[in-house]
């Protein structure tokens, strides 16, 4: 039993040690099956959640929905930048079309008599990271992004978010066409204080 556990621990630690984002433009299909995705969403929801509030929910954007949401993003962008050329319009329209699946993690954090809003926001961030790690462990590549439209109320309204809801992140999931070289990581000496 110890040997099996040591192997599993080694695999988990290696995944966490080497995990990296792959830009959506480098993600292709095939995407996860509905069963795989549902399993990852269940894993994503197993995060610290003080008060059992579930202060988050999921928007699964796949198939034709990626183009429909892309059209919303493009229209919103054009309302502010009507002079944009076709290349820029296409860039906005295609923001969610590169990966076969994009999961929007919606934060429902809000005032509570006992649970600080900050803890609820952190819980939504943990949901995003659990989803990333689950998909990576299954052999998929991911990218956790927000981008401008995650903060634009017009887009959020069109996606059906309540006025108090916000996007914690869009998790793009697919197969990596290529994996970019790793970026420099923080020097522990610069970020660790031992008391």
Protein backbone atom coordinates (compact mmCIF):
# COMPACT_ATOMS: atom_id res chain seq x y z
CA UNK A 1 0.00 0.00 0.00
CA UNK A 2 2.82 2.42 0.85
CA UNK A 3 4.44 1.85 -2.55
CA UNK A 4 1.17 2.62 -4.37
CA UNK A 5 0.69 5.73 -2.28
CA UNK A 6 4.27 6.89 -2.91
CA UNK A 7 3.72 6.46 -6.66
CA UNK A 8 0.44 8.39 -6.57
CA UNK A 9 1.98 11.12 -4.45
CA UNK A 10 4.90 11.37 -6.87
CA UNK A 11 2.56 11.68 -9.86
CA UNK A 12 0.47 14.34 -8.13
CA UNK A 13 3.48 16.35 -7.03
CA UNK A 14 5.05 16.09 -10.48
CA UNK A 15 1.82 17.38 -12.06
CA UNK A 16 1.72 20.33 -9.68
CA UNK A 17 5.44 20.99 -10.10
CA UNK A 18 5.27 21.10 -13.90
CA UNK A 19 1.78 22.51 -14.51
CA UNK A 20 1.64 25.41 -16.92
CA UNK A 21 -0.93 27.26 -18.96
CA UNK A 22 -1.22 26.78 -22.70
CA UNK A 23 -2.62 29.80 -24.60
CA UNK A 24 -6.09 29.15 -26.07
CA UNK A 25 -4.76 29.70 -29.62
CA UNK A 26 -2.67 26.54 -29.11
CA UNK A 27 -5.59 24.39 -27.94
CA UNK A 28 -7.42 22.00 -30.27
CA UNK A 29 -9.88 19.14 -29.98
CA UNK A 30 -11.00 16.68 -29.26
CA UNK A 31 -12.40 18.07 -26.07
CA UNK A 32 -13.51 16.18 -23.02
CA UNK A 33 -16.59 13.98 -23.05
CA UNK A 34 -19.61 15.20 -21.07
CA UNK A 35 -18.81 12.55 -18.46
CA UNK A 36 -15.20 13.72 -18.13
CA UNK A 37 -16.27 17.34 -17.81
CA UNK A 38 -18.96 16.52 -15.23
CA UNK A 39 -16.36 14.61 -13.21
CA UNK A 40 -13.99 17.59 -13.28
CA UNK A 41 -16.76 19.99 -12.29
CA UNK A 42 -17.50 17.75 -9.28
CA UNK A 43 -13.79 17.83 -8.40
CA UNK A 44 -13.70 21.60 -8.90
CA UNK A 45 -16.55 22.00 -6.41
CA UNK A 46 -14.61 20.13 -3.69
CA UNK A 47 -12.92 23.22 -2.33
CA UNK A 48 -12.86 24.94 1.05
CA UNK A 49 -16.28 26.55 1.37
CA UNK A 50 -16.83 28.11 4.79
CA UNK A 51 -20.52 27.87 5.62
CA UNK A 52 -21.26 25.49 2.71
CA UNK A 53 -22.50 28.44 0.63
CA UNK A 54 -21.29 27.21 -2.79
CA UNK A 55 -20.54 30.84 -3.67
CA UNK A 56 -19.82 29.93 -7.29
CA UNK A 57 -21.41 28.24 -10.28
CA UNK A 58 -20.38 27.11 -13.76
CA UNK A 59 -21.13 28.26 -17.32
CA UNK A 60 -20.18 25.51 -19.79
CA UNK A 61 -19.49 27.04 -23.20
CA UNK A 62 -18.96 24.46 -25.94
CA UNK A 63 -20.03 23.69 -29.49
CA UNK A 64 -22.04 26.45 -31.15
CA UNK A 65 -22.36 28.32 -27.85
CA UNK A 66 -18.75 29.43 -28.31
CA UNK A 67 -19.74 31.32 -31.48
CA UNK A 68 -22.91 32.74 -29.89
CA UNK A 69 -20.96 34.12 -26.94
CA UNK A 70 -18.27 35.32 -29.34
CA UNK A 71 -20.90 37.34 -31.20
CA UNK A 72 -21.91 38.97 -27.90
CA UNK A 73 -18.29 39.84 -27.17
CA UNK A 74 -17.81 41.27 -30.67
CA UNK A 75 -21.01 43.38 -30.52
CA UNK A 76 -20.03 44.76 -27.12
CA UNK A 77 -16.54 45.60 -28.37
CA UNK A 78 -17.94 47.32 -31.47
CA UNK A 79 -20.25 49.46 -29.35
CA UNK A 80 -17.11 51.05 -27.90
CA UNK A 81 -14.83 50.76 -30.94
CA UNK A 82 -17.02 51.02 -34.07
CA UNK A 83 -13.96 51.82 -36.21
CA UNK A 84 -12.40 48.38 -35.56
CA UNK A 85 -11.26 46.58 -38.69
CA UNK A 86 -12.30 43.04 -39.61
CA UNK A 87 -9.12 41.51 -38.19
CA UNK A 88 -9.81 42.98 -34.76
CA UNK A 89 -13.51 42.10 -34.98
CA UNK A 90 -12.58 38.48 -35.73
CA UNK A 91 -10.18 38.46 -32.78
CA UNK A 92 -12.99 39.49 -30.43
CA UNK A 93 -15.51 37.13 -32.03
CA UNK A 94 -13.14 34.15 -31.72
CA UNK A 95 -11.98 34.65 -28.13
CA UNK A 96 -13.81 31.54 -26.89
CA UNK A 97 -13.59 29.41 -30.04
CA UNK A 98 -10.04 28.07 -29.91
CA UNK A 99 -10.47 25.46 -27.19
CA UNK A 100 -13.27 22.91 -27.60
CA UNK A 101 -14.64 23.73 -24.14
CA UNK A 102 -14.56 26.87 -22.03
CA UNK A 103 -15.93 26.86 -18.49
CA UNK A 104 -16.85 30.18 -16.95
CA UNK A 105 -16.55 30.09 -13.18
CA UNK A 106 -19.03 32.57 -11.75
CA UNK A 107 -18.40 34.00 -8.29
CA UNK A 108 -21.59 34.54 -6.29
CA UNK A 109 -19.75 36.05 -3.32
CA UNK A 110 -21.75 38.50 -1.33
CA UNK A 111 -22.53 39.85 2.12
CA UNK A 112 -23.20 37.19 4.74
CA UNK A 113 -23.80 37.45 8.44
CA UNK A 114 -20.97 35.02 9.26
CA UNK A 115 -18.84 34.31 6.18
CA UNK A 116 -16.61 37.16 4.93
CA UNK A 117 -17.03 37.96 1.26
CA UNK A 118 -13.28 37.64 0.79
CA UNK A 119 -13.42 33.96 1.82
CA UNK A 120 -16.17 33.38 -0.74
CA UNK A 121 -14.07 34.99 -3.49
CA UNK A 122 -11.08 32.84 -2.54
CA UNK A 123 -13.30 29.76 -2.73
CA UNK A 124 -14.21 30.64 -6.34
CA UNK A 125 -10.51 30.97 -7.15
CA UNK A 126 -9.91 27.55 -5.63
CA UNK A 127 -12.69 26.16 -7.87
CA UNK A 128 -10.84 27.50 -10.91
CA UNK A 129 -7.57 25.90 -9.82
CA UNK A 130 -9.18 22.56 -9.01
CA UNK A 131 -10.74 22.51 -12.48
CA UNK A 132 -7.40 23.32 -14.10
CA UNK A 133 -5.58 20.59 -12.16
CA UNK A 134 -8.31 17.99 -12.81
CA UNK A 135 -8.24 18.61 -16.56
CA UNK A 136 -4.43 18.60 -16.60
CA UNK A 137 -4.34 15.33 -14.65
CA UNK A 138 -6.57 13.80 -17.34
CA UNK A 139 -4.09 14.80 -20.05
CA UNK A 140 -5.73 18.00 -21.27
CA UNK A 141 -4.16 21.44 -21.45
CA UNK A 142 -5.79 24.51 -19.95
CA UNK A 143 -5.63 28.25 -19.71
CA UNK A 144 -7.34 30.26 -16.95
CA UNK A 145 -8.12 33.74 -18.27
CA UNK A 146 -10.47 36.61 -17.62
CA UNK A 147 -9.80 39.29 -20.28
CA UNK A 148 -11.73 42.52 -20.67
CA UNK A 149 -15.16 41.02 -21.31
CA UNK A 150 -15.13 39.23 -17.93
CA UNK A 151 -15.44 42.70 -16.37
CA UNK A 152 -17.91 44.22 -18.82
CA UNK A 153 -21.40 44.34 -17.31
CA UNK A 154 -23.04 44.23 -20.75
CA UNK A 155 -21.41 40.87 -21.50
CA UNK A 156 -22.14 39.54 -18.02
CA UNK A 157 -25.80 40.52 -18.36
CA UNK A 158 -26.01 38.79 -21.75
CA UNK A 159 -24.53 35.65 -20.18
CA UNK A 160 -27.27 35.68 -17.54
CA UNK A 161 -25.21 36.72 -14.53
CA UNK A 162 -27.08 38.38 -11.69
CA UNK A 163 -25.99 41.95 -10.90
CA UNK A 164 -23.92 40.81 -7.91
CA UNK A 165 -22.21 37.95 -9.78
CA UNK A 166 -18.75 38.20 -11.34
CA UNK A 167 -16.50 36.01 -13.46
CA UNK A 168 -13.68 34.39 -11.50
CA UNK A 169 -12.23 33.02 -14.70
CA UNK A 170 -12.77 31.38 -18.04
CA UNK A 171 -11.05 27.99 -18.10
CA UNK A 172 -10.16 27.01 -21.69
CA UNK A 173 -9.75 23.22 -22.03
CA UNK A 174 -8.38 21.28 -25.00
CA UNK A 175 -5.45 19.36 -26.41
CA UNK A 176 -2.18 21.26 -26.70
CA UNK A 177 -0.98 21.65 -30.28
CA UNK A 178 2.30 22.72 -28.72
CA UNK A 179 3.41 23.59 -25.22
CA UNK A 180 5.32 26.86 -24.91
CA UNK A 181 8.48 26.94 -22.86
CA UNK A 182 7.95 27.58 -19.18
CA UNK A 183 8.09 31.10 -17.88
CA UNK A 184 10.37 32.12 -15.01
CA UNK A 185 8.82 31.22 -11.67
CA UNK A 186 9.14 33.25 -8.46
CA UNK A 187 12.33 32.96 -6.45
CA UNK A 188 11.27 31.57 -3.06
CA UNK A 189 13.84 33.77 -1.34
CA UNK A 190 11.87 36.78 -2.59
CA UNK A 191 8.39 35.59 -1.56
CA UNK A 192 8.85 33.53 1.61
CA UNK A 193 9.11 35.01 5.08
CA UNK A 194 9.76 32.57 7.90
CA UNK A 195 8.60 33.75 11.31
